Structure formats: structure tokens, C-alpha cells
Amino acid sequence: MRKNLLLVLVILMATTTVGIAQTAASSNAKNLDQKLIDNSRATWEAYKSKNIAAIKALTAEDYVSYTLAGPSNLKQDIDTIGKLNIENYTIDDPKVIWATKDVAILRYKCDLKGSMEGKTFGPVYSTEVWVNRGGKWQIVSYQETPAN
């Protein structure tokens, strides 16, 4: 009887430990998901305010973007930032998918208001790829598809 009680206690403790570890891991993942969503907002704000230093801090050197205007890289984005006018944007229903512990894919709908060289924006579905390099999360790819 005593052996059975000891076995039950060991199983109970092991189950509790696994449950606590899973809860902590889930909490950490949600915090990291939110960090990437916040980084995306910070990137939008940097482009909106034309803050080149912030854009460079959040964007990897090998970044590439695919929009209705065509492909671009970080240098091209910075060179044409004066032609960009972002009035407002939203990040609706964001979802983070983890490819690896250092690569995340963020997807959301963006109600984008503004223009580029006089061409107005509309709502888009956006996909961003974020990579952790040396403890620093940076966007390496951005793609958008018109929502209408």
C-alpha cells in the first residue's frame, strides 16, 4: 500500500511539473508573439514617420518586399521614402507561426490608408518573416496582397 501511495505521489508531482512547464512555455510564446506584433507596428510607425534609423534597426540588410509597386529592398525603400505617405494603418487579427525558434511568420490584415507617388492604398493581407539574429528580431521579408 505504501509503495502505491509513493508511486501516486511521484506521478502527481511529475504531472504537475509538466503542466507548469507547459504553462510557462505557452506564456513565453505568447509574449514573443506579442513582441513580433509590436515590432511590426514599430516598423509601420517608422515608415509612416519616415524614421530611417528606426527602419534600419528593425529591418535586416537582406530584407526584400513584394507589394503592388513591385519588389524592393531596404536601400530602395529608404531611397523612395519621400514618395510614401502613410496616413493610417491597422494590424487586424495577427497570427504568428513559428518556422523555427529563430524564424517567425506574422500574418494579418492591414487597412492601409495613404499613397505612393499618388497611387492610393487599400486594405491588404500582409505576411512578414522575422528572424532572430544575435538576440535581435528583424524583418527579412514583407509581402502584401490586395484584400478586395
C-alpha atoms as a PDB file:
ATOM      1  CA  MET A   1       0.000   0.000   0.000  1.00  0.00           C
ATOM      2  CA  ARG A   2       2.811   2.363   0.915  1.00  0.00           C
ATOM      3  CA  LYS A   3       4.566   1.693  -2.425  1.00  0.00           C
ATOM      4  CA  ASN A   4       1.359   2.512  -4.275  1.00  0.00           C
ATOM      5  CA  LEU A   5       0.989   5.783  -2.356  1.00  0.00           C
ATOM      6  CA  LEU A   6       4.584   6.724  -3.144  1.00  0.00           C
ATOM      7  CA  LEU A   7       4.040   5.909  -6.830  1.00  0.00           C
ATOM      8  CA  VAL A   8       0.879   8.031  -6.906  1.00  0.00           C
ATOM      9  CA  LEU A   9       2.752  10.953  -5.305  1.00  0.00           C
ATOM     10  CA  VAL A  10       5.610  10.687  -7.817  1.00  0.00           C
ATOM     11  CA  ILE A  11       3.172  10.596 -10.757  1.00  0.00           C
ATOM     12  CA  LEU A  12       1.229  13.543  -9.333  1.00  0.00           C
ATOM     13  CA  MET A  13       4.403  15.599  -8.900  1.00  0.00           C
ATOM     14  CA  ALA A  14       5.626  14.745 -12.409  1.00  0.00           C
ATOM     15  CA  THR A  15       2.273  15.675 -13.943  1.00  0.00           C
ATOM     16  CA  THR A  16       2.203  18.969 -12.045  1.00  0.00           C
ATOM     17  CA  THR A  17       5.757  19.806 -13.133  1.00  0.00           C
ATOM     18  CA  VAL A  18       4.939  19.098 -16.794  1.00  0.00           C
ATOM     19  CA  GLY A  19       1.789  21.222 -16.538  1.00  0.00           C
ATOM     20  CA  ILE A  20       3.703  24.144 -15.028  1.00  0.00           C
ATOM     21  CA  ALA A  21       6.422  23.864 -17.695  1.00  0.00           C
ATOM     22  CA  GLN A  22       3.811  23.819 -20.468  1.00  0.00           C
ATOM     23  CA  THR A  23       2.071  26.861 -18.988  1.00  0.00           C
ATOM     24  CA  ALA A  24       5.388  28.751 -18.767  1.00  0.00           C
ATOM     25  CA  ALA A  25       6.294  27.804 -22.340  1.00  0.00           C
ATOM     26  CA  SER A  26       2.863  28.891 -23.561  1.00  0.00           C
ATOM     27  CA  SER A  27       3.195  32.219 -21.731  1.00  0.00           C
ATOM     28  CA  ASN A  28       6.675  32.814 -23.184  1.00  0.00           C
ATOM     29  CA  ALA A  29       5.418  32.010 -26.694  1.00  0.00           C
ATOM     30  CA  LYS A  30       2.525  34.462 -26.329  1.00  0.00           C
ATOM     31  CA  ASN A  31       4.917  37.129 -25.067  1.00  0.00           C
ATOM     32  CA  LEU A  32       7.212  36.555 -28.044  1.00  0.00           C
ATOM     33  CA  ASP A  33       4.240  36.588 -30.437  1.00  0.00           C
ATOM     34  CA  GLN A  34       3.238  39.962 -28.982  1.00  0.00           C
ATOM     35  CA  LYS A  35       6.821  41.254 -29.288  1.00  0.00           C
ATOM     36  CA  LEU A  36       6.808  40.479 -33.012  1.00  0.00           C
ATOM     37  CA  ILE A  37       3.410  42.137 -33.466  1.00  0.00           C
ATOM     38  CA  ASP A  38       4.748  45.175 -31.587  1.00  0.00           C
ATOM     39  CA  ASN A  39       7.863  45.145 -33.818  1.00  0.00           C
ATOM     40  CA  SER A  40       5.604  45.135 -36.867  1.00  0.00           C
ATOM     41  CA  ARG A  41       3.724  48.164 -35.520  1.00  0.00           C
ATOM     42  CA  ALA A  42       7.045  49.879 -34.811  1.00  0.00           C
ATOM     43  CA  THR A  43       8.103  49.197 -38.404  1.00  0.00           C
ATOM     44  CA  TRP A  44       4.859  50.671 -39.734  1.00  0.00           C
ATOM     45  CA  GLU A  45       5.354  53.709 -37.491  1.00  0.00           C
ATOM     46  CA  ALA A  46       8.933  54.115 -38.709  1.00  0.00           C
ATOM     47  CA  TYR A  47       7.792  54.101 -42.345  1.00  0.00           C
ATOM     48  CA  LYS A  48       4.863  56.409 -41.514  1.00  0.00           C
ATOM     49  CA  SER A  49       7.135  58.957 -39.789  1.00  0.00           C
ATOM     50  CA  LYS A  50       9.985  58.361 -42.260  1.00  0.00           C
ATOM     51  CA  ASN A  51      12.317  57.474 -39.384  1.00  0.00           C
ATOM     52  CA  ILE A  52      15.271  55.969 -41.278  1.00  0.00           C
ATOM     53  CA  ALA A  53      17.206  54.986 -38.125  1.00  0.00           C
ATOM     54  CA  ALA A  54      14.221  53.027 -36.779  1.00  0.00           C
ATOM     55  CA  ILE A  55      13.638  51.387 -40.164  1.00  0.00           C
ATOM     56  CA  LYS A  56      17.268  50.253 -40.276  1.00  0.00           C
ATOM     57  CA  ALA A  57      17.133  48.956 -36.686  1.00  0.00           C
ATOM     58  CA  LEU A  58      14.051  46.818 -37.374  1.00  0.00           C
ATOM     59  CA  THR A  59      14.965  45.671 -40.876  1.00  0.00           C
ATOM     60  CA  ALA A  60      17.634  43.171 -41.903  1.00  0.00           C
ATOM     61  CA  GLU A  61      20.181  44.105 -44.573  1.00  0.00           C
ATOM     62  CA  ASP A  62      18.928  41.231 -46.768  1.00  0.00           C
ATOM     63  CA  TYR A  63      15.297  42.400 -46.491  1.00  0.00           C
ATOM     64  CA  VAL A  64      13.042  42.202 -49.542  1.00  0.00           C
ATOM     65  CA  SER A  65       9.492  43.427 -50.034  1.00  0.00           C
ATOM     66  CA  TYR A  66       6.846  42.421 -52.575  1.00  0.00           C
ATOM     67  CA  THR A  67       3.955  44.848 -52.991  1.00  0.00           C
ATOM     68  CA  LEU A  68       1.740  46.092 -55.816  1.00  0.00           C
ATOM     69  CA  ALA A  69       4.532  48.544 -56.624  1.00  0.00           C
ATOM     70  CA  GLY A  70       6.838  45.558 -57.228  1.00  0.00           C
ATOM     71  CA  PRO A  71       9.832  44.156 -55.386  1.00  0.00           C
ATOM     72  CA  SER A  72      12.134  46.348 -53.327  1.00  0.00           C
ATOM     73  CA  ASN A  73      14.924  46.041 -50.822  1.00  0.00           C
ATOM     74  CA  LEU A  74      15.916  48.112 -47.794  1.00  0.00           C
ATOM     75  CA  LYS A  75      18.017  50.570 -49.806  1.00  0.00           C
ATOM     76  CA  GLN A  76      15.242  51.114 -52.340  1.00  0.00           C
ATOM     77  CA  ASP A  77      12.677  51.630 -49.566  1.00  0.00           C
ATOM     78  CA  ILE A  78      14.876  54.259 -47.936  1.00  0.00           C
ATOM     79  CA  ASP A  79      15.653  55.949 -51.276  1.00  0.00           C
ATOM     80  CA  THR A  80      11.929  56.307 -52.071  1.00  0.00           C
ATOM     81  CA  ILE A  81      10.616  57.045 -48.558  1.00  0.00           C
ATOM     82  CA  GLY A  82       9.876  60.655 -49.555  1.00  0.00           C
ATOM     83  CA  LYS A  83       7.288  59.409 -52.070  1.00  0.00           C
ATOM     84  CA  LEU A  84       5.494  57.345 -49.419  1.00  0.00           C
ATOM     85  CA  ASN A  85       2.567  58.747 -47.476  1.00  0.00           C
ATOM     86  CA  ILE A  86       1.068  56.515 -44.797  1.00  0.00           C
ATOM     87  CA  GLU A  87      -1.886  58.237 -43.140  1.00  0.00           C
ATOM     88  CA  ASN A  88      -3.114  55.307 -41.100  1.00  0.00           C
ATOM     89  CA  TYR A  89      -2.898  51.524 -40.855  1.00  0.00           C
ATOM     90  CA  THR A  90      -4.248  48.687 -38.749  1.00  0.00           C
ATOM     91  CA  ILE A  91      -2.906  45.275 -37.862  1.00  0.00           C
ATOM     92  CA  ASP A  92      -6.037  43.157 -37.677  1.00  0.00           C
ATOM     93  CA  ASP A  93      -6.224  39.550 -36.493  1.00  0.00           C
ATOM     94  CA  PRO A  94      -2.450  38.949 -36.349  1.00  0.00           C
ATOM     95  CA  LYS A  95      -1.250  35.352 -36.289  1.00  0.00           C
ATOM     96  CA  VAL A  96       2.301  34.196 -35.628  1.00  0.00           C
ATOM     97  CA  ILE A  97       3.534  30.869 -37.000  1.00  0.00           C
ATOM     98  CA  TRP A  98       6.910  29.564 -35.837  1.00  0.00           C
ATOM     99  CA  ALA A  99       9.092  28.013 -38.548  1.00  0.00           C
ATOM    100  CA  THR A 100      11.957  27.536 -36.069  1.00  0.00           C
ATOM    101  CA  LYS A 101      12.799  29.060 -32.698  1.00  0.00           C
ATOM    102  CA  ASP A 102      14.534  31.915 -34.567  1.00  0.00           C
ATOM    103  CA  VAL A 103      12.186  32.347 -37.545  1.00  0.00           C
ATOM    104  CA  ALA A 104       8.586  33.521 -37.262  1.00  0.00           C
ATOM    105  CA  ILE A 105       5.941  34.314 -39.855  1.00  0.00           C
ATOM    106  CA  LEU A 106       3.459  37.053 -38.971  1.00  0.00           C
ATOM    107  CA  ARG A 107       0.223  37.289 -40.977  1.00  0.00           C
ATOM    108  CA  TYR A 108      -2.525  39.893 -40.634  1.00  0.00           C
ATOM    109  CA  LYS A 109      -4.982  42.072 -42.497  1.00  0.00           C
ATOM    110  CA  CYS A 110      -3.965  45.713 -42.789  1.00  0.00           C
ATOM    111  CA  ASP A 111      -6.422  48.506 -43.527  1.00  0.00           C
ATOM    112  CA  LEU A 112      -3.855  50.773 -45.125  1.00  0.00           C
ATOM    113  CA  LYS A 113      -4.631  54.416 -45.850  1.00  0.00           C
ATOM    114  CA  GLY A 114      -2.191  56.554 -47.802  1.00  0.00           C
ATOM    115  CA  SER A 115      -0.416  56.652 -51.128  1.00  0.00           C
ATOM    116  CA  MET A 116       2.818  56.066 -53.007  1.00  0.00           C
ATOM    117  CA  GLU A 117       3.537  58.501 -55.815  1.00  0.00           C
ATOM    118  CA  GLY A 118      -0.155  59.428 -55.887  1.00  0.00           C
ATOM    119  CA  LYS A 119      -1.445  55.845 -56.070  1.00  0.00           C
ATOM    120  CA  THR A 120      -3.749  55.232 -53.106  1.00  0.00           C
ATOM    121  CA  PHE A 121      -3.502  52.195 -50.890  1.00  0.00           C
ATOM    122  CA  GLY A 122      -6.307  49.940 -49.839  1.00  0.00           C
ATOM    123  CA  PRO A 123      -6.719  47.023 -47.479  1.00  0.00           C
ATOM    124  CA  VAL A 124      -4.146  44.249 -47.846  1.00  0.00           C
ATOM    125  CA  TYR A 125      -3.283  40.868 -46.409  1.00  0.00           C
ATOM    126  CA  SER A 126       0.297  41.076 -45.158  1.00  0.00           C
ATOM    127  CA  THR A 127       2.887  38.417 -44.464  1.00  0.00           C
ATOM    128  CA  GLU A 128       6.143  39.224 -42.685  1.00  0.00           C
ATOM    129  CA  VAL A 129       9.078  36.952 -41.945  1.00  0.00           C
ATOM    130  CA  TRP A 130      11.033  37.852 -38.796  1.00  0.00           C
ATOM    131  CA  VAL A 131      14.434  36.367 -37.933  1.00  0.00           C
ATOM    132  CA  ASN A 132      16.263  36.431 -34.625  1.00  0.00           C
ATOM    133  CA  ARG A 133      19.921  37.166 -35.295  1.00  0.00           C
ATOM    134  CA  GLY A 134      22.083  37.522 -32.229  1.00  0.00           C
ATOM    135  CA  GLY A 135      19.104  38.238 -29.994  1.00  0.00           C
ATOM    136  CA  LYS A 136      17.739  40.940 -32.298  1.00  0.00           C
ATOM    137  CA  TRP A 137      14.479  40.343 -34.174  1.00  0.00           C
ATOM    138  CA  GLN A 138      14.456  41.871 -37.674  1.00  0.00           C
ATOM    139  CA  ILE A 139      12.104  41.685 -40.603  1.00  0.00           C
ATOM    140  CA  VAL A 140      13.640  39.951 -43.634  1.00  0.00           C
ATOM    141  CA  SER A 141      10.602  39.704 -45.902  1.00  0.00           C
ATOM    142  CA  TYR A 142       7.329  41.567 -46.391  1.00  0.00           C
ATOM    143  CA  GLN A 143       4.615  40.630 -48.865  1.00  0.00           C
ATOM    144  CA  GLU A 144       1.157  42.068 -49.373  1.00  0.00           C
ATOM    145  CA  THR A 145      -1.888  41.007 -51.372  1.00  0.00           C
ATOM    146  CA  PRO A 146      -4.875  43.294 -52.031  1.00  0.00           C
ATOM    147  CA  ALA A 147      -7.841  42.374 -49.833  1.00  0.00           C
ATOM    148  CA  ASN A 148     -10.514  43.397 -52.361  1.00  0.00           C
END
